[in-house]
Amino acid sequence: MNKKFITLKEDTMERVLVLEKIIDQKVTQQEGADRLGLTDRQVRRLLVRYKASGMEGLKRKIFGGNRAFSKEM
């Protein structure tokens, strides 16, 4: 039996708890957004990622930015 462990920061764990409450319909999306200090739209995006990928989907993404070089250079 292979178990995968994910290390989460405290703020990410708080997001998981609030998202679970939204999914269980214990709080509304707006109430969850208020608790997390986010907009309703941001919470909807988080819910989509969480439902699709679980906790792995809530990891922060690192982008290269506008000045990132291609691998060919």
PDB file of N, CA and C in Angstrom:
ATOM      1  N   MET A   1       0.842  -1.182   0.000  1.00  0.00           N
ATOM      2  CA  MET A   1       0.000   0.000   0.000  1.00  0.00           C
ATOM      3  C   MET A   1       0.887   1.245   0.000  1.00  0.00           C
ATOM      4  N   ASN A   2       0.815   2.014  -1.091  1.00  0.00           N
ATOM      5  CA  ASN A   2       1.600   3.230  -1.226  1.00  0.00           C
ATOM      6  C   ASN A   2       0.771   4.420  -0.785  1.00  0.00           C
ATOM      7  N   LYS A   3       1.320   5.168   0.148  1.00  0.00           N
ATOM      8  CA  LYS A   3       0.660   6.382   0.611  1.00  0.00           C
ATOM      9  C   LYS A   3       1.496   7.562   0.167  1.00  0.00           C
ATOM     10  N   LYS A   4       0.844   8.593  -0.302  1.00  0.00           N
ATOM     11  CA  LYS A   4       1.527   9.794  -0.729  1.00  0.00           C
ATOM     12  C   LYS A   4       1.279  10.887   0.304  1.00  0.00           C
ATOM     13  N   PHE A   5       2.340  11.469   0.807  1.00  0.00           N
ATOM     14  CA  PHE A   5       2.228  12.527   1.795  1.00  0.00           C
ATOM     15  C   PHE A   5       2.461  13.870   1.117  1.00  0.00           C
ATOM     16  N   ILE A   6       1.647  14.837   1.472  1.00  0.00           N
ATOM     17  CA  ILE A   6       1.776  16.183   0.943  1.00  0.00           C
ATOM     18  C   ILE A   6       2.006  17.123   2.113  1.00  0.00           C
ATOM     19  N   THR A   7       3.026  17.942   2.002  1.00  0.00           N
ATOM     20  CA  THR A   7       3.300  18.933   3.030  1.00  0.00           C
ATOM     21  C   THR A   7       2.547  20.211   2.676  1.00  0.00           C
ATOM     22  N   LEU A   8       1.715  20.669   3.595  1.00  0.00           N
ATOM     23  CA  LEU A   8       0.923  21.870   3.372  1.00  0.00           C
ATOM     24  C   LEU A   8       1.284  22.946   4.376  1.00  0.00           C
ATOM     25  N   LYS A   9       1.277  24.169   3.909  1.00  0.00           N
ATOM     26  CA  LYS A   9       1.457  25.298   4.818  1.00  0.00           C
ATOM     27  C   LYS A   9       0.150  25.513   5.563  1.00  0.00           C
ATOM     28  N   GLU A  10       0.220  26.248   6.652  1.00  0.00           N
ATOM     29  CA  GLU A  10      -0.961  26.464   7.495  1.00  0.00           C
ATOM     30  C   GLU A  10      -2.090  27.150   6.730  1.00  0.00           C
ATOM     31  N   ASP A  11      -1.741  28.123   5.878  1.00  0.00           N
ATOM     32  CA  ASP A  11      -2.794  28.820   5.134  1.00  0.00           C
ATOM     33  C   ASP A  11      -3.457  27.902   4.106  1.00  0.00           C
ATOM     34  N   THR A  12      -2.680  26.972   3.543  1.00  0.00           N
ATOM     35  CA  THR A  12      -3.252  26.015   2.593  1.00  0.00           C
ATOM     36  C   THR A  12      -4.164  25.042   3.320  1.00  0.00           C
ATOM     37  N   MET A  13      -3.791  24.633   4.511  1.00  0.00           N
ATOM     38  CA  MET A  13      -4.638  23.732   5.290  1.00  0.00           C
ATOM     39  C   MET A  13      -5.954  24.418   5.659  1.00  0.00           C
ATOM     40  N   GLU A  14      -5.888  25.701   5.960  1.00  0.00           N
ATOM     41  CA  GLU A  14      -7.104  26.468   6.249  1.00  0.00           C
ATOM     42  C   GLU A  14      -8.007  26.492   5.015  1.00  0.00           C
ATOM     43  N   ARG A  15      -7.398  26.652   3.832  1.00  0.00           N
ATOM     44  CA  ARG A  15      -8.178  26.631   2.600  1.00  0.00           C
ATOM     45  C   ARG A  15      -8.887  25.292   2.434  1.00  0.00           C
ATOM     46  N   VAL A  16      -8.189  24.197   2.708  1.00  0.00           N
ATOM     47  CA  VAL A  16      -8.780  22.860   2.580  1.00  0.00           C
ATOM     48  C   VAL A  16      -9.981  22.730   3.505  1.00  0.00           C
ATOM     49  N   LEU A  17      -9.828  23.169   4.738  1.00  0.00           N
ATOM     50  CA  LEU A  17     -10.920  23.059   5.703  1.00  0.00           C
ATOM     51  C   LEU A  17     -12.136  23.864   5.257  1.00  0.00           C
ATOM     52  N   VAL A  18     -11.907  25.077   4.782  1.00  0.00           N
ATOM     53  CA  VAL A  18     -13.021  25.919   4.330  1.00  0.00           C
ATOM     54  C   VAL A  18     -13.651  25.339   3.071  1.00  0.00           C
ATOM     55  N   LEU A  19     -12.852  24.855   2.133  1.00  0.00           N
ATOM     56  CA  LEU A  19     -13.398  24.259   0.908  1.00  0.00           C
ATOM     57  C   LEU A  19     -14.240  23.030   1.222  1.00  0.00           C
ATOM     58  N   GLU A  20     -13.797  22.231   2.183  1.00  0.00           N
ATOM     59  CA  GLU A  20     -14.579  21.055   2.586  1.00  0.00           C
ATOM     60  C   GLU A  20     -15.930  21.477   3.169  1.00  0.00           C
ATOM     61  N   LYS A  21     -15.936  22.566   3.942  1.00  0.00           N
ATOM     62  CA  LYS A  21     -17.191  23.068   4.507  1.00  0.00           C
ATOM     63  C   LYS A  21     -18.120  23.568   3.405  1.00  0.00           C
ATOM     64  N   ILE A  22     -17.545  24.180   2.362  1.00  0.00           N
ATOM     65  CA  ILE A  22     -18.359  24.649   1.239  1.00  0.00           C
ATOM     66  C   ILE A  22     -18.945  23.455   0.495  1.00  0.00           C
ATOM     67  N   ILE A  23     -18.123  22.444   0.248  1.00  0.00           N
ATOM     68  CA  ILE A  23     -18.581  21.246  -0.457  1.00  0.00           C
ATOM     69  C   ILE A  23     -19.681  20.546   0.331  1.00  0.00           C
ATOM     70  N   ASP A  24     -19.524  20.480   1.657  1.00  0.00           N
ATOM     71  CA  ASP A  24     -20.533  19.853   2.522  1.00  0.00           C
ATOM     72  C   ASP A  24     -21.740  20.755   2.765  1.00  0.00           C
ATOM     73  N   GLN A  25     -21.737  21.938   2.162  1.00  0.00           N
ATOM     74  CA  GLN A  25     -22.807  22.927   2.267  1.00  0.00           C
ATOM     75  C   GLN A  25     -23.056  23.387   3.697  1.00  0.00           C
ATOM     76  N   LYS A  26     -21.987  23.450   4.476  1.00  0.00           N
ATOM     77  CA  LYS A  26     -22.096  23.991   5.835  1.00  0.00           C
ATOM     78  C   LYS A  26     -21.921  25.505   5.832  1.00  0.00           C
ATOM     79  N   VAL A  27     -21.211  26.025   4.814  1.00  0.00           N
ATOM     80  CA  VAL A  27     -21.075  27.470   4.615  1.00  0.00           C
ATOM     81  C   VAL A  27     -21.242  27.753   3.124  1.00  0.00           C
ATOM     82  N   THR A  28     -21.591  28.997   2.799  1.00  0.00           N
ATOM     83  CA  THR A  28     -21.726  29.386   1.395  1.00  0.00           C
ATOM     84  C   THR A  28     -20.356  29.753   0.832  1.00  0.00           C
ATOM     85  N   GLN A  29     -20.283  29.868  -0.488  1.00  0.00           N
ATOM     86  CA  GLN A  29     -19.031  30.280  -1.113  1.00  0.00           C
ATOM     87  C   GLN A  29     -18.631  31.679  -0.649  1.00  0.00           C
ATOM     88  N   GLN A  30     -19.608  32.556  -0.490  1.00  0.00           N
ATOM     89  CA  GLN A  30     -19.301  33.916  -0.050  1.00  0.00           C
ATOM     90  C   GLN A  30     -18.759  33.923   1.379  1.00  0.00           C
ATOM     91  N   GLU A  31     -19.355  33.120   2.263  1.00  0.00           N
ATOM     92  CA  GLU A  31     -18.849  33.034   3.640  1.00  0.00           C
ATOM     93  C   GLU A  31     -17.440  32.460   3.660  1.00  0.00           C
ATOM     94  N   GLY A  32     -17.201  31.454   2.829  1.00  0.00           N
ATOM     95  CA  GLY A  32     -15.855  30.872   2.726  1.00  0.00           C
ATOM     96  C   GLY A  32     -14.856  31.885   2.209  1.00  0.00           C
ATOM     97  N   ALA A  33     -15.274  32.669   1.222  1.00  0.00           N
ATOM     98  CA  ALA A  33     -14.398  33.708   0.673  1.00  0.00           C
ATOM     99  C   ALA A  33     -14.055  34.738   1.744  1.00  0.00           C
ATOM    100  N   ASP A  34     -15.042  35.121   2.532  1.00  0.00           N
ATOM    101  CA  ASP A  34     -14.801  36.083   3.613  1.00  0.00           C
ATOM    102  C   ASP A  34     -13.821  35.520   4.638  1.00  0.00           C
ATOM    103  N   ARG A  35     -13.955  34.247   4.987  1.00  0.00           N
ATOM    104  CA  ARG A  35     -13.056  33.625   5.964  1.00  0.00           C
ATOM    105  C   ARG A  35     -11.623  33.558   5.449  1.00  0.00           C
ATOM    106  N   LEU A  36     -11.474  33.350   4.128  1.00  0.00           N
ATOM    107  CA  LEU A  36     -10.132  33.215   3.551  1.00  0.00           C
ATOM    108  C   LEU A  36      -9.554  34.540   3.067  1.00  0.00           C
ATOM    109  N   GLY A  37     -10.373  35.589   3.088  1.00  0.00           N
ATOM    110  CA  GLY A  37      -9.895  36.881   2.607  1.00  0.00           C
ATOM    111  C   GLY A  37      -9.748  36.902   1.091  1.00  0.00           C
ATOM    112  N   LEU A  38     -10.606  36.153   0.395  1.00  0.00           N
ATOM    113  CA  LEU A  38     -10.582  36.070  -1.057  1.00  0.00           C
ATOM    114  C   LEU A  38     -11.920  36.532  -1.616  1.00  0.00           C
ATOM    115  N   THR A  39     -11.972  36.655  -2.939  1.00  0.00           N
ATOM    116  CA  THR A  39     -13.242  36.968  -3.574  1.00  0.00           C
ATOM    117  C   THR A  39     -14.002  35.672  -3.829  1.00  0.00           C
ATOM    118  N   ASP A  40     -15.298  35.824  -4.094  1.00  0.00           N
ATOM    119  CA  ASP A  40     -16.141  34.675  -4.412  1.00  0.00           C
ATOM    120  C   ASP A  40     -15.612  33.957  -5.649  1.00  0.00           C
ATOM    121  N   ARG A  41     -15.156  34.722  -6.643  1.00  0.00           N
ATOM    122  CA  ARG A  41     -14.620  34.140  -7.890  1.00  0.00           C
ATOM    123  C   ARG A  41     -13.358  33.314  -7.618  1.00  0.00           C
ATOM    124  N   GLN A  42     -12.470  33.812  -6.766  1.00  0.00           N
ATOM    125  CA  GLN A  42     -11.252  33.067  -6.431  1.00  0.00           C
ATOM    126  C   GLN A  42     -11.589  31.749  -5.745  1.00  0.00           C
ATOM    127  N   VAL A  43     -12.597  31.778  -4.887  1.00  0.00           N
ATOM    128  CA  VAL A  43     -13.010  30.552  -4.199  1.00  0.00           C
ATOM    129  C   VAL A  43     -13.588  29.553  -5.193  1.00  0.00           C
ATOM    130  N   ARG A  44     -14.344  30.033  -6.175  1.00  0.00           N
ATOM    131  CA  ARG A  44     -14.880  29.121  -7.200  1.00  0.00           C
ATOM    132  C   ARG A  44     -13.737  28.455  -7.969  1.00  0.00           C
ATOM    133  N   ARG A  45     -12.701  29.219  -8.293  1.00  0.00           N
ATOM    134  CA  ARG A  45     -11.545  28.651  -8.999  1.00  0.00           C
ATOM    135  C   ARG A  45     -10.845  27.609  -8.130  1.00  0.00           C
ATOM    136  N   LEU A  46     -10.681  27.914  -6.847  1.00  0.00           N
ATOM    137  CA  LEU A  46     -10.052  26.962  -5.928  1.00  0.00           C
ATOM    138  C   LEU A  46     -10.867  25.679  -5.826  1.00  0.00           C
ATOM    139  N   LEU A  47     -12.198  25.818  -5.780  1.00  0.00           N
ATOM    140  CA  LEU A  47     -13.063  24.637  -5.699  1.00  0.00           C
ATOM    141  C   LEU A  47     -12.893  23.737  -6.921  1.00  0.00           C
ATOM    142  N   VAL A  48     -12.801  24.334  -8.098  1.00  0.00           N
ATOM    143  CA  VAL A  48     -12.614  23.546  -9.320  1.00  0.00           C
ATOM    144  C   VAL A  48     -11.292  22.788  -9.246  1.00  0.00           C
ATOM    145  N   ARG A  49     -10.223  23.479  -8.860  1.00  0.00           N
ATOM    146  CA  ARG A  49      -8.907  22.818  -8.763  1.00  0.00           C
ATOM    147  C   ARG A  49      -8.902  21.756  -7.680  1.00  0.00           C
ATOM    148  N   TYR A  50      -9.555  22.024  -6.562  1.00  0.00           N
ATOM    149  CA  TYR A  50      -9.581  21.076  -5.451  1.00  0.00           C
ATOM    150  C   TYR A  50     -10.369  19.818  -5.814  1.00  0.00           C
ATOM    151  N   LYS A  51     -11.512  20.008  -6.480  1.00  0.00           N
ATOM    152  CA  LYS A  51     -12.322  18.858  -6.887  1.00  0.00           C
ATOM    153  C   LYS A  51     -11.602  18.022  -7.946  1.00  0.00           C
ATOM    154  N   ALA A  52     -10.836  18.668  -8.811  1.00  0.00           N
ATOM    155  CA  ALA A  52     -10.143  17.964  -9.887  1.00  0.00           C
ATOM    156  C   ALA A  52      -8.873  17.264  -9.408  1.00  0.00           C
ATOM    157  N   SER A  53      -8.113  17.908  -8.516  1.00  0.00           N
ATOM    158  CA  SER A  53      -6.788  17.388  -8.151  1.00  0.00           C
ATOM    159  C   SER A  53      -6.573  17.189  -6.662  1.00  0.00           C
ATOM    160  N   GLY A  54      -7.574  17.448  -5.844  1.00  0.00           N
ATOM    161  CA  GLY A  54      -7.397  17.298  -4.403  1.00  0.00           C
ATOM    162  C   GLY A  54      -6.450  18.350  -3.852  1.00  0.00           C
ATOM    163  N   MET A  55      -5.770  18.006  -2.782  1.00  0.00           N
ATOM    164  CA  MET A  55      -4.864  18.951  -2.128  1.00  0.00           C
ATOM    165  C   MET A  55      -3.702  19.342  -3.041  1.00  0.00           C
ATOM    166  N   GLU A  56      -3.321  18.448  -3.924  1.00  0.00           N
ATOM    167  CA  GLU A  56      -2.241  18.731  -4.876  1.00  0.00           C
ATOM    168  C   GLU A  56      -2.585  19.936  -5.749  1.00  0.00           C
ATOM    169  N   GLY A  57      -3.862  20.109  -6.041  1.00  0.00           N
ATOM    170  CA  GLY A  57      -4.306  21.223  -6.869  1.00  0.00           C
ATOM    171  C   GLY A  57      -4.235  22.572  -6.186  1.00  0.00           C
ATOM    172  N   LEU A  58      -4.062  22.580  -4.883  1.00  0.00           N
ATOM    173  CA  LEU A  58      -4.004  23.843  -4.147  1.00  0.00           C
ATOM    174  C   LEU A  58      -2.586  24.360  -3.962  1.00  0.00           C
ATOM    175  N   LYS A  59      -1.602  23.587  -4.395  1.00  0.00           N
ATOM    176  CA  LYS A  59      -0.219  24.051  -4.290  1.00  0.00           C
ATOM    177  C   LYS A  59      -0.046  25.304  -5.125  1.00  0.00           C
ATOM    178  N   ARG A  60       0.787  26.183  -4.646  1.00  0.00           N
ATOM    179  CA  ARG A  60       1.033  27.417  -5.382  1.00  0.00           C
ATOM    180  C   ARG A  60       1.823  27.097  -6.645  1.00  0.00           C
ATOM    181  N   LYS A  61       1.440  27.767  -7.731  1.00  0.00           N
ATOM    182  CA  LYS A  61       2.107  27.544  -9.006  1.00  0.00           C
ATOM    183  C   LYS A  61       3.162  28.613  -9.216  1.00  0.00           C
ATOM    184  N   ILE A  62       4.290  28.229  -9.754  1.00  0.00           N
ATOM    185  CA  ILE A  62       5.369  29.165 -10.035  1.00  0.00           C
ATOM    186  C   ILE A  62       5.429  29.357 -11.547  1.00  0.00           C
ATOM    187  N   PHE A  63       5.335  30.593 -11.965  1.00  0.00           N
ATOM    188  CA  PHE A  63       5.359  30.904 -13.378  1.00  0.00           C
ATOM    189  C   PHE A  63       6.657  31.623 -13.711  1.00  0.00           C
ATOM    190  N   GLY A  64       7.082  31.510 -14.941  1.00  0.00           N
ATOM    191  CA  GLY A  64       8.328  32.120 -15.396  1.00  0.00           C
ATOM    192  C   GLY A  64       8.250  33.609 -15.576  1.00  0.00           C
ATOM    193  N   GLY A  65       7.085  34.126 -15.813  1.00  0.00           N
ATOM    194  CA  GLY A  65       6.933  35.560 -16.006  1.00  0.00           C
ATOM    195  C   GLY A  65       7.109  35.947 -17.460  1.00  0.00           C
ATOM    196  N   ASN A  66       7.048  37.231 -17.734  1.00  0.00           N
ATOM    197  CA  ASN A  66       7.129  37.723 -19.107  1.00  0.00           C
ATOM    198  C   ASN A  66       8.521  37.599 -19.711  1.00  0.00           C
ATOM    199  N   ARG A  67       9.542  37.577 -18.913  1.00  0.00           N
ATOM    200  CA  ARG A  67      10.904  37.585 -19.425  1.00  0.00           C
ATOM    201  C   ARG A  67      11.575  36.210 -19.369  1.00  0.00           C
ATOM    202  N   ALA A  68      10.771  35.179 -19.230  1.00  0.00           N
ATOM    203  CA  ALA A  68      11.328  33.829 -19.160  1.00  0.00           C
ATOM    204  C   ALA A  68      11.891  33.444 -20.530  1.00  0.00           C
ATOM    205  N   PHE A  69      13.026  32.773 -20.523  1.00  0.00           N
ATOM    206  CA  PHE A  69      13.654  32.321 -21.751  1.00  0.00           C
ATOM    207  C   PHE A  69      13.102  30.969 -22.157  1.00  0.00           C
ATOM    208  N   SER A  70      13.064  30.728 -23.442  1.00  0.00           N
ATOM    209  CA  SER A  70      12.642  29.407 -23.896  1.00  0.00           C
ATOM    210  C   SER A  70      13.801  28.438 -23.685  1.00  0.00           C
ATOM    211  N   LYS A  71      13.518  27.152 -23.678  1.00  0.00           N
ATOM    212  CA  LYS A  71      14.548  26.142 -23.458  1.00  0.00           C
ATOM    213  C   LYS A  71      15.512  26.045 -24.630  1.00  0.00           C
ATOM    214  N   GLU A  72      15.125  26.572 -25.809  1.00  0.00           N
ATOM    215  CA  GLU A  72      15.963  26.522 -26.985  1.00  0.00           C
ATOM    216  C   GLU A  72      17.132  27.484 -26.899  1.00  0.00           C
ATOM    217  N   MET A  73      17.025  28.535 -26.103  1.00  0.00           N
ATOM    218  CA  MET A  73      18.077  29.549 -26.028  1.00  0.00           C
ATOM    219  C   MET A  73      19.235  29.074 -25.246  1.00  0.00           C
TER     220      MET A  73
END
